[in-house]
Amino acid sequence: MTECRRLEFQLAELKEFDHPLNKELAMAGKDWMQSFLRRHPELSIRTPEATSGARAMGFNKVAVANFFNLLIETVDKYQLTADKIYNMDEIGVSVNPKGMSKIIATKGKRQVGALTSGARGETITLEICFSASGAYMPPMFIFGRKKCNKLS
């Protein structure tokens, strides 16, 4: 939000508008931000979901098309039915998370992301697995490995 308020000030200065914005802080005030959001009800303040750069680069039209082509080919080849097709999803939960800044996003969006560094501390991985027919397995927790001395 601070970046948006600074940008508004820079724009007003660039366009040489007569404005009541805070010249000492070189940004618009919090009241301006609240008024801006009221004028644009399609926007809301959200906390972005952390997304690594590698993941963002790997999610593209070609990669998605290749995945679905391979899926269709495999389902047809092995004549798979819904009770034999399982999906596994995982999420890494940081043991020592750092607070994410807020961003402005379109209302109704289910997910907004922001790039983050891969090294953020220790994580615990949670996994769930379920079939296309609705069957599921209990969730699985994967904790980081611990260095152990071998017993001889």
N, C-alpha and C. Protein backbone atom coordinates (compact mmCIF):
# COMPACT_ATOMS: atom_id res chain seq x y z
N MET A 1 0.82 -1.18 0.00
CA MET A 1 0.00 0.00 0.00
C MET A 1 0.87 1.25 0.00
N THR A 2 2.00 1.19 0.71
CA THR A 2 2.90 2.34 0.75
C THR A 2 3.40 2.66 -0.65
N GLU A 3 3.72 1.61 -1.43
CA GLU A 3 4.21 1.82 -2.80
C GLU A 3 3.16 2.52 -3.65
N CYS A 4 1.90 2.16 -3.46
CA CYS A 4 0.81 2.77 -4.21
C CYS A 4 0.68 4.25 -3.84
N ARG A 5 0.81 4.54 -2.55
CA ARG A 5 0.71 5.93 -2.09
C ARG A 5 1.88 6.76 -2.61
N ARG A 6 3.08 6.17 -2.66
CA ARG A 6 4.25 6.88 -3.22
C ARG A 6 4.07 7.13 -4.71
N LEU A 7 3.54 6.10 -5.41
CA LEU A 7 3.31 6.22 -6.84
C LEU A 7 2.31 7.34 -7.14
N GLU A 8 1.27 7.44 -6.33
CA GLU A 8 0.28 8.51 -6.52
C GLU A 8 0.94 9.88 -6.38
N PHE A 9 1.79 10.02 -5.37
CA PHE A 9 2.50 11.30 -5.18
C PHE A 9 3.38 11.61 -6.39
N GLN A 10 4.14 10.61 -6.85
CA GLN A 10 5.03 10.82 -8.00
C GLN A 10 4.24 11.21 -9.25
N LEU A 11 3.09 10.58 -9.44
CA LEU A 11 2.24 10.88 -10.60
C LEU A 11 1.71 12.31 -10.52
N ALA A 12 1.25 12.71 -9.33
CA ALA A 12 0.74 14.08 -9.15
C ALA A 12 1.84 15.11 -9.40
N GLU A 13 3.06 14.81 -8.94
CA GLU A 13 4.19 15.71 -9.16
C GLU A 13 4.56 15.76 -10.64
N LEU A 14 4.61 14.60 -11.29
CA LEU A 14 4.98 14.52 -12.70
C LEU A 14 4.00 15.30 -13.57
N LYS A 15 2.71 15.18 -13.25
CA LYS A 15 1.67 15.87 -14.03
C LYS A 15 1.50 17.33 -13.58
N GLU A 16 2.26 17.71 -12.54
CA GLU A 16 2.23 19.07 -12.00
C GLU A 16 0.83 19.48 -11.54
N PHE A 17 0.12 18.52 -10.91
CA PHE A 17 -1.19 18.82 -10.34
C PHE A 17 -1.01 19.59 -9.04
N ASP A 18 -1.97 20.47 -8.75
CA ASP A 18 -2.01 21.13 -7.45
C ASP A 18 -2.66 20.12 -6.50
N HIS A 19 -1.90 19.61 -5.53
CA HIS A 19 -2.39 18.52 -4.70
C HIS A 19 -2.07 18.76 -3.22
N PRO A 20 -2.90 18.16 -2.34
CA PRO A 20 -2.65 18.29 -0.90
C PRO A 20 -1.83 17.12 -0.33
N LEU A 21 -1.17 16.35 -1.19
CA LEU A 21 -0.43 15.17 -0.74
C LEU A 21 0.79 15.59 0.08
N ASN A 22 1.23 14.71 0.96
CA ASN A 22 2.32 15.00 1.89
C ASN A 22 3.66 15.11 1.16
N LYS A 23 4.16 16.33 1.01
CA LYS A 23 5.43 16.55 0.30
C LYS A 23 6.62 16.14 1.16
N GLU A 24 6.47 16.19 2.47
CA GLU A 24 7.56 15.80 3.36
C GLU A 24 7.84 14.30 3.27
N LEU A 25 6.78 13.50 3.26
CA LEU A 25 6.93 12.05 3.14
C LEU A 25 6.97 11.58 1.68
N ALA A 26 6.63 12.47 0.76
CA ALA A 26 6.57 12.18 -0.68
C ALA A 26 5.62 11.01 -0.98
N MET A 27 4.43 11.06 -0.35
CA MET A 27 3.42 10.04 -0.62
C MET A 27 2.04 10.56 -0.25
N ALA A 28 1.04 9.90 -0.83
CA ALA A 28 -0.34 10.22 -0.46
C ALA A 28 -0.61 9.65 0.93
N GLY A 29 -1.61 10.19 1.61
CA GLY A 29 -1.93 9.74 2.95
C GLY A 29 -2.80 8.48 2.97
N LYS A 30 -2.98 7.95 4.16
CA LYS A 30 -3.81 6.75 4.33
C LYS A 30 -5.25 7.02 3.94
N ASP A 31 -5.71 8.24 4.20
CA ASP A 31 -7.08 8.60 3.82
C ASP A 31 -7.24 8.58 2.30
N TRP A 32 -6.20 8.99 1.56
CA TRP A 32 -6.27 8.93 0.10
C TRP A 32 -6.43 7.47 -0.33
N MET A 33 -5.66 6.57 0.30
CA MET A 33 -5.72 5.14 -0.04
C MET A 33 -7.11 4.59 0.22
N GLN A 34 -7.70 4.94 1.36
CA GLN A 34 -9.05 4.47 1.68
C GLN A 34 -10.06 5.01 0.67
N SER A 35 -9.92 6.27 0.30
CA SER A 35 -10.82 6.85 -0.70
C SER A 35 -10.65 6.19 -2.06
N PHE A 36 -9.39 5.90 -2.42
CA PHE A 36 -9.10 5.23 -3.69
C PHE A 36 -9.80 3.87 -3.73
N LEU A 37 -9.69 3.11 -2.64
CA LEU A 37 -10.34 1.79 -2.59
C LEU A 37 -11.86 1.90 -2.61
N ARG A 38 -12.41 2.95 -2.01
CA ARG A 38 -13.87 3.16 -2.08
C ARG A 38 -14.30 3.49 -3.51
N ARG A 39 -13.47 4.27 -4.23
CA ARG A 39 -13.79 4.63 -5.61
C ARG A 39 -13.65 3.43 -6.56
N HIS A 40 -12.88 2.42 -6.13
CA HIS A 40 -12.65 1.24 -6.96
C HIS A 40 -13.05 -0.01 -6.17
N PRO A 41 -14.35 -0.26 -6.04
CA PRO A 41 -14.82 -1.39 -5.22
C PRO A 41 -14.40 -2.76 -5.77
N GLU A 42 -13.90 -2.81 -7.02
CA GLU A 42 -13.44 -4.09 -7.56
C GLU A 42 -12.06 -4.48 -7.03
N LEU A 43 -11.40 -3.58 -6.28
CA LEU A 43 -10.09 -3.85 -5.71
C LEU A 43 -10.19 -4.10 -4.21
N SER A 44 -9.26 -4.87 -3.67
CA SER A 44 -9.20 -5.10 -2.23
C SER A 44 -7.75 -5.30 -1.82
N ILE A 45 -7.47 -5.17 -0.54
CA ILE A 45 -6.13 -5.39 -0.01
C ILE A 45 -6.01 -6.87 0.33
N ARG A 46 -4.99 -7.52 -0.19
CA ARG A 46 -4.80 -8.96 0.01
C ARG A 46 -3.37 -9.25 0.41
N THR A 47 -3.14 -10.39 1.05
CA THR A 47 -1.80 -10.87 1.33
C THR A 47 -1.46 -11.89 0.26
N PRO A 48 -0.38 -11.67 -0.51
CA PRO A 48 -0.06 -12.60 -1.60
C PRO A 48 0.45 -13.93 -1.10
N GLU A 49 0.21 -14.96 -1.90
CA GLU A 49 0.73 -16.29 -1.60
C GLU A 49 2.15 -16.37 -2.14
N ALA A 50 3.08 -16.87 -1.35
CA ALA A 50 4.48 -16.96 -1.77
C ALA A 50 4.62 -17.94 -2.94
N THR A 51 5.33 -17.51 -3.98
CA THR A 51 5.58 -18.33 -5.15
C THR A 51 7.05 -18.20 -5.52
N SER A 52 7.76 -19.31 -5.64
CA SER A 52 9.17 -19.25 -6.00
C SER A 52 9.31 -18.86 -7.47
N GLY A 53 10.45 -18.29 -7.80
CA GLY A 53 10.72 -17.90 -9.19
C GLY A 53 10.73 -19.10 -10.12
N ALA A 54 11.27 -20.23 -9.66
CA ALA A 54 11.32 -21.44 -10.48
C ALA A 54 9.92 -21.94 -10.80
N ARG A 55 9.03 -21.89 -9.81
CA ARG A 55 7.66 -22.35 -10.04
C ARG A 55 6.94 -21.42 -11.02
N ALA A 56 7.13 -20.13 -10.86
CA ALA A 56 6.49 -19.17 -11.77
C ALA A 56 6.97 -19.36 -13.20
N MET A 57 8.27 -19.63 -13.38
CA MET A 57 8.83 -19.83 -14.73
C MET A 57 8.34 -21.13 -15.35
N GLY A 58 8.14 -22.18 -14.53
CA GLY A 58 7.74 -23.48 -15.05
C GLY A 58 6.27 -23.58 -15.41
N PHE A 59 5.46 -22.62 -14.95
CA PHE A 59 4.03 -22.65 -15.23
C PHE A 59 3.76 -21.76 -16.44
N ASN A 60 3.73 -22.37 -17.61
CA ASN A 60 3.48 -21.61 -18.84
C ASN A 60 2.60 -22.45 -19.77
N LYS A 61 2.15 -21.84 -20.83
CA LYS A 61 1.20 -22.48 -21.73
C LYS A 61 1.74 -23.77 -22.33
N VAL A 62 3.01 -23.78 -22.73
CA VAL A 62 3.61 -24.96 -23.35
C VAL A 62 3.70 -26.11 -22.34
N ALA A 63 4.17 -25.82 -21.11
CA ALA A 63 4.31 -26.85 -20.08
C ALA A 63 2.95 -27.45 -19.71
N VAL A 64 1.94 -26.61 -19.58
CA VAL A 64 0.60 -27.09 -19.24
C VAL A 64 0.02 -27.94 -20.37
N ALA A 65 0.20 -27.50 -21.61
CA ALA A 65 -0.29 -28.28 -22.76
C ALA A 65 0.40 -29.64 -22.82
N ASN A 66 1.72 -29.66 -22.58
CA ASN A 66 2.46 -30.94 -22.59
C ASN A 66 1.95 -31.88 -21.50
N PHE A 67 1.68 -31.32 -20.31
CA PHE A 67 1.16 -32.14 -19.21
C PHE A 67 -0.16 -32.79 -19.59
N PHE A 68 -1.09 -32.00 -20.11
CA PHE A 68 -2.42 -32.55 -20.43
C PHE A 68 -2.36 -33.51 -21.61
N ASN A 69 -1.49 -33.27 -22.57
CA ASN A 69 -1.33 -34.22 -23.67
C ASN A 69 -0.81 -35.56 -23.15
N LEU A 70 0.16 -35.52 -22.24
CA LEU A 70 0.69 -36.75 -21.65
C LEU A 70 -0.37 -37.45 -20.80
N LEU A 71 -1.17 -36.68 -20.06
CA LEU A 71 -2.23 -37.25 -19.24
C LEU A 71 -3.25 -37.98 -20.11
N ILE A 72 -3.71 -37.33 -21.16
CA ILE A 72 -4.70 -37.95 -22.07
C ILE A 72 -4.14 -39.22 -22.69
N GLU A 73 -2.88 -39.16 -23.12
CA GLU A 73 -2.23 -40.32 -23.73
C GLU A 73 -2.14 -41.49 -22.73
N THR A 74 -1.78 -41.21 -21.49
CA THR A 74 -1.65 -42.24 -20.46
C THR A 74 -3.01 -42.85 -20.09
N VAL A 75 -4.03 -42.01 -19.92
CA VAL A 75 -5.38 -42.49 -19.58
C VAL A 75 -5.90 -43.39 -20.69
N ASP A 76 -5.70 -42.98 -21.94
CA ASP A 76 -6.16 -43.80 -23.08
C ASP A 76 -5.38 -45.10 -23.19
N LYS A 77 -4.07 -45.05 -23.03
CA LYS A 77 -3.22 -46.23 -23.18
C LYS A 77 -3.55 -47.31 -22.16
N TYR A 78 -3.73 -46.90 -20.90
CA TYR A 78 -3.98 -47.87 -19.84
C TYR A 78 -5.46 -47.99 -19.47
N GLN A 79 -6.34 -47.34 -20.20
CA GLN A 79 -7.78 -47.38 -19.98
C GLN A 79 -8.13 -47.14 -18.51
N LEU A 80 -7.62 -46.01 -17.98
CA LEU A 80 -7.81 -45.68 -16.57
C LEU A 80 -9.21 -45.14 -16.31
N THR A 81 -9.79 -45.57 -15.18
CA THR A 81 -11.09 -45.07 -14.76
C THR A 81 -10.90 -44.16 -13.55
N ALA A 82 -11.96 -43.48 -13.14
CA ALA A 82 -11.88 -42.48 -12.06
C ALA A 82 -11.36 -43.05 -10.75
N ASP A 83 -11.64 -44.32 -10.48
CA ASP A 83 -11.18 -44.91 -9.23
C ASP A 83 -9.70 -45.27 -9.26
N LYS A 84 -9.09 -45.18 -10.43
CA LYS A 84 -7.66 -45.49 -10.56
C LYS A 84 -6.81 -44.25 -10.83
N ILE A 85 -7.43 -43.09 -10.84
CA ILE A 85 -6.69 -41.84 -11.08
C ILE A 85 -6.64 -41.05 -9.78
N TYR A 86 -5.46 -40.88 -9.26
CA TYR A 86 -5.27 -40.16 -8.00
C TYR A 86 -4.53 -38.86 -8.22
N ASN A 87 -4.84 -37.91 -7.39
CA ASN A 87 -4.15 -36.62 -7.40
C ASN A 87 -3.50 -36.44 -6.03
N MET A 88 -2.28 -35.99 -6.03
CA MET A 88 -1.57 -35.71 -4.79
C MET A 88 -1.21 -34.23 -4.80
N ASP A 89 -1.46 -33.57 -3.70
CA ASP A 89 -1.11 -32.16 -3.58
C ASP A 89 -0.30 -31.97 -2.32
N GLU A 90 0.62 -31.05 -2.38
CA GLU A 90 1.46 -30.79 -1.22
C GLU A 90 1.56 -29.29 -0.97
N ILE A 91 1.85 -28.96 0.26
CA ILE A 91 2.08 -27.57 0.62
C ILE A 91 3.19 -27.54 1.67
N GLY A 92 4.09 -26.61 1.54
CA GLY A 92 5.15 -26.44 2.52
C GLY A 92 4.74 -25.36 3.50
N VAL A 93 4.77 -25.69 4.78
CA VAL A 93 4.42 -24.73 5.81
C VAL A 93 5.69 -24.33 6.53
N SER A 94 6.02 -23.05 6.52
CA SER A 94 7.25 -22.58 7.15
C SER A 94 7.11 -22.59 8.67
N VAL A 95 8.13 -23.13 9.33
CA VAL A 95 8.14 -23.17 10.79
C VAL A 95 8.38 -21.77 11.35
N ASN A 96 9.16 -20.98 10.64
CA ASN A 96 9.42 -19.60 11.07
C ASN A 96 9.11 -18.65 9.92
N PRO A 97 7.81 -18.40 9.69
CA PRO A 97 7.41 -17.57 8.56
C PRO A 97 7.73 -16.09 8.80
N LYS A 98 7.98 -15.40 7.71
CA LYS A 98 8.13 -13.95 7.78
C LYS A 98 6.84 -13.35 7.24
N GLY A 99 6.44 -12.23 7.79
CA GLY A 99 5.18 -11.61 7.36
C GLY A 99 5.25 -11.15 5.92
N MET A 100 4.20 -11.41 5.18
CA MET A 100 4.12 -10.95 3.80
C MET A 100 3.46 -9.58 3.79
N SER A 101 3.93 -8.72 2.88
CA SER A 101 3.31 -7.42 2.74
C SER A 101 1.97 -7.58 2.04
N LYS A 102 1.13 -6.60 2.12
CA LYS A 102 -0.18 -6.66 1.49
C LYS A 102 -0.07 -6.07 0.09
N ILE A 103 -0.95 -6.49 -0.82
CA ILE A 103 -0.99 -5.95 -2.16
C ILE A 103 -2.44 -5.64 -2.52
N ILE A 104 -2.63 -4.87 -3.58
CA ILE A 104 -3.97 -4.55 -4.08
C ILE A 104 -4.27 -5.52 -5.22
N ALA A 105 -5.42 -6.20 -5.16
CA ALA A 105 -5.79 -7.17 -6.18
C ALA A 105 -7.28 -7.04 -6.47
N THR A 106 -7.69 -7.58 -7.60
CA THR A 106 -9.10 -7.57 -7.99
C THR A 106 -9.90 -8.43 -7.03
N LYS A 107 -11.06 -7.92 -6.59
CA LYS A 107 -11.93 -8.69 -5.70
C LYS A 107 -12.40 -9.95 -6.42
N GLY A 108 -12.58 -11.00 -5.64
CA GLY A 108 -13.08 -12.25 -6.21
C GLY A 108 -11.97 -13.18 -6.68
N LYS A 109 -10.74 -12.68 -6.81
CA LYS A 109 -9.62 -13.56 -7.18
C LYS A 109 -9.37 -14.49 -6.02
N ARG A 110 -9.26 -15.78 -6.30
CA ARG A 110 -9.07 -16.75 -5.23
C ARG A 110 -7.64 -16.81 -4.77
N GLN A 111 -6.69 -16.43 -5.63
CA GLN A 111 -5.29 -16.60 -5.29
C GLN A 111 -4.48 -15.48 -5.90
N VAL A 112 -3.65 -14.84 -5.10
CA VAL A 112 -2.70 -13.85 -5.59
C VAL A 112 -1.33 -14.27 -5.10
N GLY A 113 -0.31 -14.08 -5.91
CA GLY A 113 1.02 -14.56 -5.54
C GLY A 113 2.07 -13.48 -5.54
N ALA A 114 3.17 -13.76 -4.90
CA ALA A 114 4.34 -12.90 -4.88
C ALA A 114 5.56 -13.80 -4.85
N LEU A 115 6.60 -13.40 -5.62
CA LEU A 115 7.82 -14.19 -5.64
C LEU A 115 8.55 -14.07 -4.31
N THR A 116 9.11 -15.18 -3.84
CA THR A 116 9.86 -15.19 -2.59
C THR A 116 11.15 -15.96 -2.79
N SER A 117 12.04 -15.79 -1.88
CA SER A 117 13.30 -16.53 -1.89
C SER A 117 13.03 -17.96 -1.48
N GLY A 118 13.82 -18.90 -2.03
CA GLY A 118 13.66 -20.30 -1.67
C GLY A 118 14.11 -20.59 -0.24
N ALA A 119 15.08 -19.83 0.25
CA ALA A 119 15.63 -20.08 1.59
C ALA A 119 14.90 -19.23 2.62
N ARG A 120 13.89 -19.81 3.26
CA ARG A 120 13.11 -19.05 4.24
C ARG A 120 13.09 -19.73 5.60
N GLY A 121 13.93 -20.70 5.78
CA GLY A 121 13.91 -21.41 7.05
C GLY A 121 13.34 -22.80 6.88
N GLU A 122 13.16 -23.49 7.99
CA GLU A 122 12.69 -24.88 7.97
C GLU A 122 11.21 -24.94 7.61
N THR A 123 10.86 -25.96 6.81
CA THR A 123 9.46 -26.16 6.45
C THR A 123 9.02 -27.58 6.78
N ILE A 124 7.73 -27.74 6.98
CA ILE A 124 7.09 -29.05 7.12
C ILE A 124 6.21 -29.20 5.90
N THR A 125 6.29 -30.34 5.24
CA THR A 125 5.49 -30.59 4.05
C THR A 125 4.23 -31.37 4.43
N LEU A 126 3.07 -30.89 3.98
CA LEU A 126 1.80 -31.58 4.19
C LEU A 126 1.35 -32.10 2.83
N GLU A 127 0.92 -33.35 2.77
CA GLU A 127 0.46 -33.95 1.52
C GLU A 127 -0.91 -34.60 1.69
N ILE A 128 -1.75 -34.46 0.67
CA ILE A 128 -3.02 -35.16 0.63
C ILE A 128 -3.12 -35.87 -0.71
N CYS A 129 -3.85 -36.97 -0.73
CA CYS A 129 -3.98 -37.76 -1.94
C CYS A 129 -5.43 -38.24 -2.05
N PHE A 130 -6.04 -38.03 -3.22
CA PHE A 130 -7.44 -38.44 -3.41
C PHE A 130 -7.65 -38.85 -4.85
N SER A 131 -8.65 -39.68 -5.05
CA SER A 131 -8.94 -40.19 -6.40
C SER A 131 -10.02 -39.35 -7.06
N ALA A 132 -10.12 -39.52 -8.37
CA ALA A 132 -11.16 -38.82 -9.14
C ALA A 132 -12.54 -39.30 -8.76
N SER A 133 -12.65 -40.50 -8.14
CA SER A 133 -13.95 -41.02 -7.73
C SER A 133 -14.36 -40.54 -6.33
N GLY A 134 -13.45 -39.82 -5.64
CA GLY A 134 -13.78 -39.29 -4.33
C GLY A 134 -13.11 -39.99 -3.16
N ALA A 135 -12.43 -41.11 -3.39
CA ALA A 135 -11.71 -41.80 -2.32
C ALA A 135 -10.48 -40.97 -1.96
N TYR A 136 -10.08 -41.02 -0.70
CA TYR A 136 -8.90 -40.26 -0.28
C TYR A 136 -8.13 -41.01 0.79
N MET A 137 -6.89 -40.60 0.95
CA MET A 137 -6.02 -41.17 1.99
C MET A 137 -5.85 -40.11 3.07
N PRO A 138 -5.53 -40.51 4.31
CA PRO A 138 -5.30 -39.52 5.36
C PRO A 138 -4.11 -38.62 5.00
N PRO A 139 -4.11 -37.38 5.48
CA PRO A 139 -2.98 -36.49 5.16
C PRO A 139 -1.66 -37.02 5.74
N MET A 140 -0.57 -36.66 5.09
CA MET A 140 0.75 -37.09 5.53
C MET A 140 1.60 -35.85 5.82
N PHE A 141 2.33 -35.88 6.93
CA PHE A 141 3.23 -34.81 7.32
C PHE A 141 4.66 -35.30 7.08
N ILE A 142 5.46 -34.47 6.43
CA ILE A 142 6.87 -34.82 6.20
C ILE A 142 7.71 -33.76 6.90
N PHE A 143 8.47 -34.20 7.90
CA PHE A 143 9.32 -33.29 8.65
C PHE A 143 10.73 -33.33 8.09
N GLY A 144 11.49 -32.26 8.30
CA GLY A 144 12.86 -32.18 7.84
C GLY A 144 13.71 -33.28 8.48
N ARG A 145 14.70 -33.74 7.75
CA ARG A 145 15.53 -34.81 8.27
C ARG A 145 16.44 -34.29 9.38
N LYS A 146 16.81 -35.18 10.24
CA LYS A 146 17.73 -34.88 11.32
C LYS A 146 18.97 -35.73 11.12
N LYS A 147 20.12 -35.15 11.36
CA LYS A 147 21.37 -35.90 11.23
C LYS A 147 21.50 -36.81 12.43
N CYS A 148 21.66 -38.10 12.16
CA CYS A 148 21.78 -39.10 13.21
C CYS A 148 23.12 -39.82 13.10
N ASN A 149 23.70 -40.16 14.22
CA ASN A 149 24.92 -40.97 14.20
C ASN A 149 24.52 -42.42 13.99
N LYS A 150 25.24 -43.08 13.09
CA LYS A 150 24.95 -44.48 12.82
C LYS A 150 25.38 -45.33 14.00
N LEU A 151 24.56 -46.29 14.36
CA LEU A 151 24.91 -47.24 15.40
C LEU A 151 25.67 -48.39 14.76
N SER A 152 26.82 -48.74 15.31
CA SER A 152 27.56 -49.85 14.73
C SER A 152 27.81 -50.93 15.75
